[in-house]
PDB file of N, CA and C in Angstrom:
ATOM      1  N   MET A   1       0.801  -1.195   0.000  1.00  0.00           N
ATOM      2  CA  MET A   1       0.000   0.000   0.000  1.00  0.00           C
ATOM      3  C   MET A   1       0.850   1.268   0.000  1.00  0.00           C
ATOM      4  N   ILE A   2       1.891   1.287   0.797  1.00  0.00           N
ATOM      5  CA  ILE A   2       2.773   2.453   0.848  1.00  0.00           C
ATOM      6  C   ILE A   2       3.518   2.599  -0.481  1.00  0.00           C
ATOM      7  N   LYS A   3       3.923   1.467  -1.047  1.00  0.00           N
ATOM      8  CA  LYS A   3       4.636   1.504  -2.323  1.00  0.00           C
ATOM      9  C   LYS A   3       3.748   2.106  -3.412  1.00  0.00           C
ATOM     10  N   LYS A   4       2.488   1.736  -3.434  1.00  0.00           N
ATOM     11  CA  LYS A   4       1.548   2.278  -4.409  1.00  0.00           C
ATOM     12  C   LYS A   4       1.350   3.785  -4.215  1.00  0.00           C
ATOM     13  N   PHE A   5       1.259   4.181  -2.949  1.00  0.00           N
ATOM     14  CA  PHE A   5       1.091   5.598  -2.636  1.00  0.00           C
ATOM     15  C   PHE A   5       2.296   6.408  -3.110  1.00  0.00           C
ATOM     16  N   ILE A   6       3.481   5.909  -2.848  1.00  0.00           N
ATOM     17  CA  ILE A   6       4.710   6.611  -3.265  1.00  0.00           C
ATOM     18  C   ILE A   6       4.810   6.662  -4.776  1.00  0.00           C
ATOM     19  N   GLN A   7       4.453   5.578  -5.454  1.00  0.00           N
ATOM     20  CA  GLN A   7       4.522   5.558  -6.917  1.00  0.00           C
ATOM     21  C   GLN A   7       3.540   6.539  -7.546  1.00  0.00           C
ATOM     22  N   SER A   8       2.440   6.802  -6.912  1.00  0.00           N
ATOM     23  CA  SER A   8       1.469   7.737  -7.474  1.00  0.00           C
ATOM     24  C   SER A   8       1.713   9.168  -6.996  1.00  0.00           C
ATOM     25  N   PHE A   9       2.256   9.333  -5.801  1.00  0.00           N
ATOM     26  CA  PHE A   9       2.446  10.654  -5.213  1.00  0.00           C
ATOM     27  C   PHE A   9       3.753  11.312  -5.643  1.00  0.00           C
ATOM     28  N   LEU A  10       4.826  10.560  -5.709  1.00  0.00           N
ATOM     29  CA  LEU A  10       6.143  11.123  -6.012  1.00  0.00           C
ATOM     30  C   LEU A  10       6.224  11.771  -7.388  1.00  0.00           C
ATOM     31  N   PRO A  11       5.744  11.168  -8.456  1.00  0.00           N
ATOM     32  CA  PRO A  11       5.796  11.842  -9.757  1.00  0.00           C
ATOM     33  C   PRO A  11       4.986  13.145  -9.787  1.00  0.00           C
ATOM     34  N   ALA A  12       3.913  13.194  -9.011  1.00  0.00           N
ATOM     35  CA  ALA A  12       3.098  14.406  -8.964  1.00  0.00           C
ATOM     36  C   ALA A  12       3.837  15.558  -8.283  1.00  0.00           C
ATOM     37  N   ILE A  13       4.816  15.251  -7.480  1.00  0.00           N
ATOM     38  CA  ILE A  13       5.614  16.285  -6.817  1.00  0.00           C
ATOM     39  C   ILE A  13       6.870  16.608  -7.622  1.00  0.00           C
ATOM     40  N   ILE A  14       7.527  15.603  -8.164  1.00  0.00           N
ATOM     41  CA  ILE A  14       8.806  15.807  -8.853  1.00  0.00           C
ATOM     42  C   ILE A  14       8.628  16.551 -10.168  1.00  0.00           C
ATOM     43  N   LYS A  15       7.582  16.270 -10.896  1.00  0.00           N
ATOM     44  CA  LYS A  15       7.374  16.905 -12.207  1.00  0.00           C
ATOM     45  C   LYS A  15       7.260  18.433 -12.101  1.00  0.00           C
ATOM     46  N   PRO A  16       6.429  18.983 -11.210  1.00  0.00           N
ATOM     47  CA  PRO A  16       6.382  20.441 -11.076  1.00  0.00           C
ATOM     48  C   PRO A  16       7.694  21.043 -10.554  1.00  0.00           C
ATOM     49  N   LEU A  17       8.373  20.304  -9.675  1.00  0.00           N
ATOM     50  CA  LEU A  17       9.657  20.796  -9.176  1.00  0.00           C
ATOM     51  C   LEU A  17      10.704  20.830 -10.297  1.00  0.00           C
ATOM     52  N   HIS A  18      10.690  19.838 -11.154  1.00  0.00           N
ATOM     53  CA  HIS A  18      11.610  19.800 -12.287  1.00  0.00           C
ATOM     54  C   HIS A  18      11.327  20.961 -13.238  1.00  0.00           C
ATOM     55  N   SER A  19      10.063  21.220 -13.489  1.00  0.00           N
ATOM     56  CA  SER A  19       9.674  22.333 -14.348  1.00  0.00           C
ATOM     57  C   SER A  19      10.077  23.669 -13.722  1.00  0.00           C
ATOM     58  N   LEU A  20       9.837  23.812 -12.422  1.00  0.00           N
ATOM     59  CA  LEU A  20      10.213  25.046 -11.717  1.00  0.00           C
ATOM     60  C   LEU A  20      11.718  25.259 -11.744  1.00  0.00           C
ATOM     61  N   TRP A  21      12.473  24.196 -11.564  1.00  0.00           N
ATOM     62  CA  TRP A  21      13.932  24.284 -11.607  1.00  0.00           C
ATOM     63  C   TRP A  21      14.402  24.799 -12.968  1.00  0.00           C
ATOM     64  N   ASN A  22      13.832  24.269 -14.047  1.00  0.00           N
ATOM     65  CA  ASN A  22      14.219  24.720 -15.377  1.00  0.00           C
ATOM     66  C   ASN A  22      13.827  26.170 -15.610  1.00  0.00           C
ATOM     67  N   GLN A  23      12.700  26.604 -15.064  1.00  0.00           N
ATOM     68  CA  GLN A  23      12.304  28.007 -15.196  1.00  0.00           C
ATOM     69  C   GLN A  23      13.251  28.921 -14.431  1.00  0.00           C
ATOM     70  N   MET A  24      13.671  28.498 -13.242  1.00  0.00           N
ATOM     71  CA  MET A  24      14.606  29.312 -12.458  1.00  0.00           C
ATOM     72  C   MET A  24      15.956  29.422 -13.150  1.00  0.00           C
ATOM     73  N   ILE A  25      16.448  28.317 -13.680  1.00  0.00           N
ATOM     74  CA  ILE A  25      17.720  28.337 -14.393  1.00  0.00           C
ATOM     75  C   ILE A  25      17.598  29.175 -15.664  1.00  0.00           C
ATOM     76  N   GLY A  26      16.481  29.045 -16.361  1.00  0.00           N
ATOM     77  CA  GLY A  26      16.247  29.853 -17.559  1.00  0.00           C
ATOM     78  C   GLY A  26      16.234  31.334 -17.239  1.00  0.00           C
ATOM     79  N   PHE A  27      15.577  31.721 -16.153  1.00  0.00           N
ATOM     80  CA  PHE A  27      15.538  33.120 -15.748  1.00  0.00           C
ATOM     81  C   PHE A  27      16.936  33.618 -15.389  1.00  0.00           C
ATOM     82  N   LEU A  28      17.692  32.811 -14.664  1.00  0.00           N
ATOM     83  CA  LEU A  28      19.049  33.193 -14.282  1.00  0.00           C
ATOM     84  C   LEU A  28      19.916  33.446 -15.517  1.00  0.00           C
ATOM     85  N   PHE A  29      19.859  32.561 -16.493  1.00  0.00           N
ATOM     86  CA  PHE A  29      20.664  32.740 -17.697  1.00  0.00           C
ATOM     87  C   PHE A  29      20.183  33.937 -18.528  1.00  0.00           C
ATOM     88  N   LEU A  30      18.870  34.179 -18.567  1.00  0.00           N
ATOM     89  CA  LEU A  30      18.380  35.363 -19.276  1.00  0.00           C
ATOM     90  C   LEU A  30      18.893  36.645 -18.626  1.00  0.00           C
ATOM     91  N   VAL A  31      18.886  36.694 -17.308  1.00  0.00           N
ATOM     92  CA  VAL A  31      19.387  37.877 -16.599  1.00  0.00           C
ATOM     93  C   VAL A  31      20.879  38.054 -16.852  1.00  0.00           C
ATOM     94  N   ILE A  32      21.629  36.981 -16.777  1.00  0.00           N
ATOM     95  CA  ILE A  32      23.072  37.065 -17.033  1.00  0.00           C
ATOM     96  C   ILE A  32      23.330  37.547 -18.457  1.00  0.00           C
ATOM     97  N   GLY A  33      22.599  37.010 -19.423  1.00  0.00           N
ATOM     98  CA  GLY A  33      22.775  37.429 -20.813  1.00  0.00           C
ATOM     99  C   GLY A  33      22.407  38.886 -21.025  1.00  0.00           C
ATOM    100  N   LEU A  34      21.316  39.333 -20.394  1.00  0.00           N
ATOM    101  CA  LEU A  34      20.889  40.718 -20.573  1.00  0.00           C
ATOM    102  C   LEU A  34      21.817  41.705 -19.870  1.00  0.00           C
ATOM    103  N   VAL A  35      22.386  41.317 -18.744  1.00  0.00           N
ATOM    104  CA  VAL A  35      23.344  42.189 -18.054  1.00  0.00           C
ATOM    105  C   VAL A  35      24.600  42.370 -18.905  1.00  0.00           C
ATOM    106  N   ALA A  36      25.004  41.336 -19.588  1.00  0.00           N
ATOM    107  CA  ALA A  36      26.220  41.400 -20.397  1.00  0.00           C
ATOM    108  C   ALA A  36      26.031  42.203 -21.683  1.00  0.00           C
ATOM    109  N   VAL A  37      24.787  42.454 -22.079  1.00  0.00           N
ATOM    110  CA  VAL A  37      24.538  43.196 -23.323  1.00  0.00           C
ATOM    111  C   VAL A  37      25.111  44.602 -23.236  1.00  0.00           C
ATOM    112  N   ARG A  38      24.953  45.256 -22.098  1.00  0.00           N
ATOM    113  CA  ARG A  38      25.399  46.654 -21.952  1.00  0.00           C
ATOM    114  C   ARG A  38      26.905  46.802 -22.158  1.00  0.00           C
ATOM    115  N   SER A  39      27.687  45.989 -21.478  1.00  0.00           N
ATOM    116  CA  SER A  39      29.142  46.111 -21.617  1.00  0.00           C
ATOM    117  C   SER A  39      29.602  45.681 -23.005  1.00  0.00           C
ATOM    118  N   THR A  40      28.923  44.687 -23.567  1.00  0.00           N
ATOM    119  CA  THR A  40      29.283  44.247 -24.918  1.00  0.00           C
ATOM    120  C   THR A  40      29.008  45.356 -25.926  1.00  0.00           C
ATOM    121  N   TRP A  41      27.882  46.026 -25.782  1.00  0.00           N
ATOM    122  CA  TRP A  41      27.548  47.137 -26.679  1.00  0.00           C
ATOM    123  C   TRP A  41      28.528  48.298 -26.503  1.00  0.00           C
ATOM    124  N   ALA A  42      28.958  48.556 -25.275  1.00  0.00           N
ATOM    125  CA  ALA A  42      29.926  49.617 -25.031  1.00  0.00           C
ATOM    126  C   ALA A  42      31.261  49.300 -25.715  1.00  0.00           C
ATOM    127  N   ARG A  43      31.692  48.084 -25.637  1.00  0.00           N
ATOM    128  CA  ARG A  43      32.940  47.685 -26.319  1.00  0.00           C
ATOM    129  C   ARG A  43      32.808  47.806 -27.825  1.00  0.00           C
ATOM    130  N   TYR A  44      31.654  47.407 -28.353  1.00  0.00           N
ATOM    131  CA  TYR A  44      31.444  47.526 -29.793  1.00  0.00           C
ATOM    132  C   TYR A  44      31.427  48.992 -30.220  1.00  0.00           C
ATOM    133  N   SER A  45      30.770  49.834 -29.458  1.00  0.00           N
ATOM    134  CA  SER A  45      30.695  51.259 -29.798  1.00  0.00           C
ATOM    135  C   SER A  45      32.082  51.898 -29.785  1.00  0.00           C
ATOM    136  N   ARG A  46      32.886  51.552 -28.785  1.00  0.00           N
ATOM    137  CA  ARG A  46      34.239  52.102 -28.702  1.00  0.00           C
ATOM    138  C   ARG A  46      35.082  51.626 -29.878  1.00  0.00           C
ATOM    139  N   TRP A  47      34.952  50.353 -30.238  1.00  0.00           N
ATOM    140  CA  TRP A  47      35.732  49.824 -31.362  1.00  0.00           C
ATOM    141  C   TRP A  47      35.243  50.390 -32.692  1.00  0.00           C
ATOM    142  N   ALA A  48      33.935  50.520 -32.879  1.00  0.00           N
ATOM    143  CA  ALA A  48      33.373  50.999 -34.142  1.00  0.00           C
ATOM    144  C   ALA A  48      33.657  52.473 -34.367  1.00  0.00           C
ATOM    145  N   SER A  49      33.811  53.249 -33.294  1.00  0.00           N
ATOM    146  CA  SER A  49      34.085  54.679 -33.449  1.00  0.00           C
ATOM    147  C   SER A  49      35.546  54.944 -33.808  1.00  0.00           C
ATOM    148  N   GLY A  50      36.376  53.936 -33.741  1.00  0.00           N
ATOM    149  CA  GLY A  50      37.786  54.092 -34.099  1.00  0.00           C
ATOM    150  C   GLY A  50      38.674  54.437 -32.924  1.00  0.00           C
ATOM    151  N   GLN A  51      38.106  54.583 -31.745  1.00  0.00           N
ATOM    152  CA  GLN A  51      38.900  54.925 -30.571  1.00  0.00           C
ATOM    153  C   GLN A  51      39.461  53.682 -29.881  1.00  0.00           C
ATOM    154  N   GLY A  52      38.877  52.553 -30.150  1.00  0.00           N
ATOM    155  CA  GLY A  52      39.281  51.331 -29.469  1.00  0.00           C
ATOM    156  C   GLY A  52      40.423  50.634 -30.180  1.00  0.00           C
ATOM    157  N   GLU A  53      40.983  49.669 -29.484  1.00  0.00           N
ATOM    158  CA  GLU A  53      42.066  48.860 -30.037  1.00  0.00           C
ATOM    159  C   GLU A  53      41.545  47.458 -30.322  1.00  0.00           C
ATOM    160  N   PHE A  54      42.454  46.587 -30.667  1.00  0.00           N
ATOM    161  CA  PHE A  54      42.066  45.205 -30.945  1.00  0.00           C
ATOM    162  C   PHE A  54      41.492  44.530 -29.707  1.00  0.00           C
ATOM    163  N   SER A  55      41.981  44.919 -28.530  1.00  0.00           N
ATOM    164  CA  SER A  55      41.464  44.311 -27.297  1.00  0.00           C
ATOM    165  C   SER A  55      39.978  44.614 -27.114  1.00  0.00           C
ATOM    166  N   ASP A  56      39.528  45.788 -27.570  1.00  0.00           N
ATOM    167  CA  ASP A  56      38.097  46.100 -27.502  1.00  0.00           C
ATOM    168  C   ASP A  56      37.306  45.209 -28.447  1.00  0.00           C
ATOM    169  N   PHE A  57      37.860  44.946 -29.621  1.00  0.00           N
ATOM    170  CA  PHE A  57      37.185  44.059 -30.554  1.00  0.00           C
ATOM    171  C   PHE A  57      37.136  42.641 -30.001  1.00  0.00           C
ATOM    172  N   ALA A  58      38.238  42.185 -29.426  1.00  0.00           N
ATOM    173  CA  ALA A  58      38.274  40.840 -28.851  1.00  0.00           C
ATOM    174  C   ALA A  58      37.286  40.730 -27.684  1.00  0.00           C
ATOM    175  N   ALA A  59      37.200  41.776 -26.858  1.00  0.00           N
ATOM    176  CA  ALA A  59      36.243  41.771 -25.754  1.00  0.00           C
ATOM    177  C   ALA A  59      34.813  41.787 -26.283  1.00  0.00           C
ATOM    178  N   PHE A  60      34.581  42.494 -27.378  1.00  0.00           N
ATOM    179  CA  PHE A  60      33.250  42.502 -27.985  1.00  0.00           C
ATOM    180  C   PHE A  60      32.872  41.107 -28.474  1.00  0.00           C
ATOM    181  N   VAL A  61      33.777  40.442 -29.149  1.00  0.00           N
ATOM    182  CA  VAL A  61      33.482  39.100 -29.677  1.00  0.00           C
ATOM    183  C   VAL A  61      33.208  38.131 -28.527  1.00  0.00           C
ATOM    184  N   CYS A  62      34.040  38.161 -27.496  1.00  0.00           N
ATOM    185  CA  CYS A  62      33.819  37.275 -26.343  1.00  0.00           C
ATOM    186  C   CYS A  62      32.497  37.610 -25.649  1.00  0.00           C
ATOM    187  N   GLY A  63      32.219  38.898 -25.504  1.00  0.00           N
ATOM    188  CA  GLY A  63      30.959  39.303 -24.889  1.00  0.00           C
ATOM    189  C   GLY A  63      29.766  38.882 -25.716  1.00  0.00           C
ATOM    190  N   ALA A  64      29.866  38.997 -27.034  1.00  0.00           N
ATOM    191  CA  ALA A  64      28.756  38.601 -27.905  1.00  0.00           C
ATOM    192  C   ALA A  64      28.493  37.101 -27.799  1.00  0.00           C
ATOM    193  N   VAL A  65      29.556  36.322 -27.747  1.00  0.00           N
ATOM    194  CA  VAL A  65      29.394  34.870 -27.584  1.00  0.00           C
ATOM    195  C   VAL A  65      28.739  34.569 -26.236  1.00  0.00           C
ATOM    196  N   PHE A  66      29.167  35.278 -25.203  1.00  0.00           N
ATOM    197  CA  PHE A  66      28.607  35.095 -23.864  1.00  0.00           C
ATOM    198  C   PHE A  66      27.123  35.451 -23.840  1.00  0.00           C
ATOM    199  N   VAL A  67      26.765  36.566 -24.478  1.00  0.00           N
ATOM    200  CA  VAL A  67      25.357  36.987 -24.527  1.00  0.00           C
ATOM    201  C   VAL A  67      24.515  35.960 -25.282  1.00  0.00           C
ATOM    202  N   ILE A  68      25.007  35.509 -26.415  1.00  0.00           N
ATOM    203  CA  ILE A  68      24.253  34.533 -27.218  1.00  0.00           C
ATOM    204  C   ILE A  68      24.067  33.230 -26.449  1.00  0.00           C
ATOM    205  N   LEU A  69      25.114  32.765 -25.781  1.00  0.00           N
ATOM    206  CA  LEU A  69      24.999  31.534 -24.996  1.00  0.00           C
ATOM    207  C   LEU A  69      24.040  31.719 -23.816  1.00  0.00           C
ATOM    208  N   GLY A  70      24.158  32.838 -23.115  1.00  0.00           N
ATOM    209  CA  GLY A  70      23.278  33.086 -21.974  1.00  0.00           C
ATOM    210  C   GLY A  70      21.820  33.153 -22.382  1.00  0.00           C
ATOM    211  N   LEU A  71      21.533  33.909 -23.429  1.00  0.00           N
ATOM    212  CA  LEU A  71      20.152  34.021 -23.887  1.00  0.00           C
ATOM    213  C   LEU A  71      19.650  32.689 -24.449  1.00  0.00           C
ATOM    214  N   GLY A  72      20.527  31.978 -25.148  1.00  0.00           N
ATOM    215  CA  GLY A  72      20.137  30.670 -25.691  1.00  0.00           C
ATOM    216  C   GLY A  72      19.813  29.669 -24.603  1.00  0.00           C
ATOM    217  N   PHE A  73      20.661  29.599 -23.558  1.00  0.00           N
ATOM    218  CA  PHE A  73      20.391  28.685 -22.447  1.00  0.00           C
ATOM    219  C   PHE A  73      19.135  29.114 -21.694  1.00  0.00           C
ATOM    220  N   GLY A  74      18.924  30.421 -21.576  1.00  0.00           N
ATOM    221  CA  GLY A  74      17.724  30.906 -20.890  1.00  0.00           C
ATOM    222  C   GLY A  74      16.456  30.508 -21.611  1.00  0.00           C
ATOM    223  N   ILE A  75      16.430  30.724 -22.910  1.00  0.00           N
ATOM    224  CA  ILE A  75      15.261  30.351 -23.706  1.00  0.00           C
ATOM    225  C   ILE A  75      15.063  28.841 -23.675  1.00  0.00           C
ATOM    226  N   HIS A  76      16.163  28.101 -23.755  1.00  0.00           N
ATOM    227  CA  HIS A  76      16.072  26.639 -23.714  1.00  0.00           C
ATOM    228  C   HIS A  76      15.511  26.156 -22.380  1.00  0.00           C
ATOM    229  N   GLY A  77      15.882  26.827 -21.282  1.00  0.00           N
ATOM    230  CA  GLY A  77      15.364  26.440 -19.972  1.00  0.00           C
ATOM    231  C   GLY A  77      13.849  26.580 -19.906  1.00  0.00           C
ATOM    232  N   PHE A  78      13.327  27.694 -20.431  1.00  0.00           N
ATOM    233  CA  PHE A  78      11.880  27.877 -20.431  1.00  0.00           C
ATOM    234  C   PHE A  78      11.195  26.902 -21.384  1.00  0.00           C
ATOM    235  N   TRP A  79      11.823  26.630 -22.506  1.00  0.00           N
ATOM    236  CA  TRP A  79      11.268  25.694 -23.472  1.00  0.00           C
ATOM    237  C   TRP A  79      11.194  24.287 -22.872  1.00  0.00           C
ATOM    238  N   LYS A  80      12.265  23.886 -22.179  1.00  0.00           N
ATOM    239  CA  LYS A  80      12.293  22.566 -21.563  1.00  0.00           C
ATOM    240  C   LYS A  80      11.276  22.472 -20.425  1.00  0.00           C
ATOM    241  N   ALA A  81      11.116  23.554 -19.661  1.00  0.00           N
ATOM    242  CA  ALA A  81      10.123  23.551 -18.580  1.00  0.00           C
ATOM    243  C   ALA A  81       8.722  23.396 -19.148  1.00  0.00           C
ATOM    244  N   ARG A  82       8.450  24.030 -20.266  1.00  0.00           N
ATOM    245  CA  ARG A  82       7.135  23.905 -20.884  1.00  0.00           C
ATOM    246  C   ARG A  82       6.904  22.470 -21.376  1.00  0.00           C
ATOM    247  N   ARG A  83       7.952  21.888 -21.955  1.00  0.00           N
ATOM    248  CA  ARG A  83       7.852  20.516 -22.437  1.00  0.00           C
ATOM    249  C   ARG A  83       7.596  19.544 -21.280  1.00  0.00           C
ATOM    250  N   ILE A  84       8.248  19.779 -20.149  1.00  0.00           N
ATOM    251  CA  ILE A  84       8.070  18.909 -18.975  1.00  0.00           C
ATOM    252  C   ILE A  84       6.657  19.035 -18.442  1.00  0.00           C
ATOM    253  N   SER A  85       6.147  20.255 -18.366  1.00  0.00           N
ATOM    254  CA  SER A  85       4.811  20.444 -17.810  1.00  0.00           C
ATOM    255  C   SER A  85       3.707  19.911 -18.725  1.00  0.00           C
ATOM    256  N   ARG A  86       3.981  19.824 -20.016  1.00  0.00           N
ATOM    257  CA  ARG A  86       2.978  19.309 -20.955  1.00  0.00           C
ATOM    258  C   ARG A  86       2.945  17.795 -21.018  1.00  0.00           C
ATOM    259  N   SER A  87       4.025  17.149 -20.650  1.00  0.00           N
ATOM    260  CA  SER A  87       4.066  15.680 -20.773  1.00  0.00           C
ATOM    261  C   SER A  87       3.334  14.991 -19.639  1.00  0.00           C
TER     262      SER A  87
END
């Protein structure tokens, strides 16, 4: 009887927690990606105006990769949470 109760009760608790976890991680990565946009744009502006050096361009490229990865992981986290909640 207890085994049956656990088999029916545990998935009902774990599934929403798994979905919530993915939403929290997705939000964290979206915030990290959006925070990095400002400094990345500043580096690009300095390099594009001709005042910057190669290090500004290199920092822009690294920042752009960081922003794309952060936003991509954030969107993926929300997408995965939606998939979990629908199944």
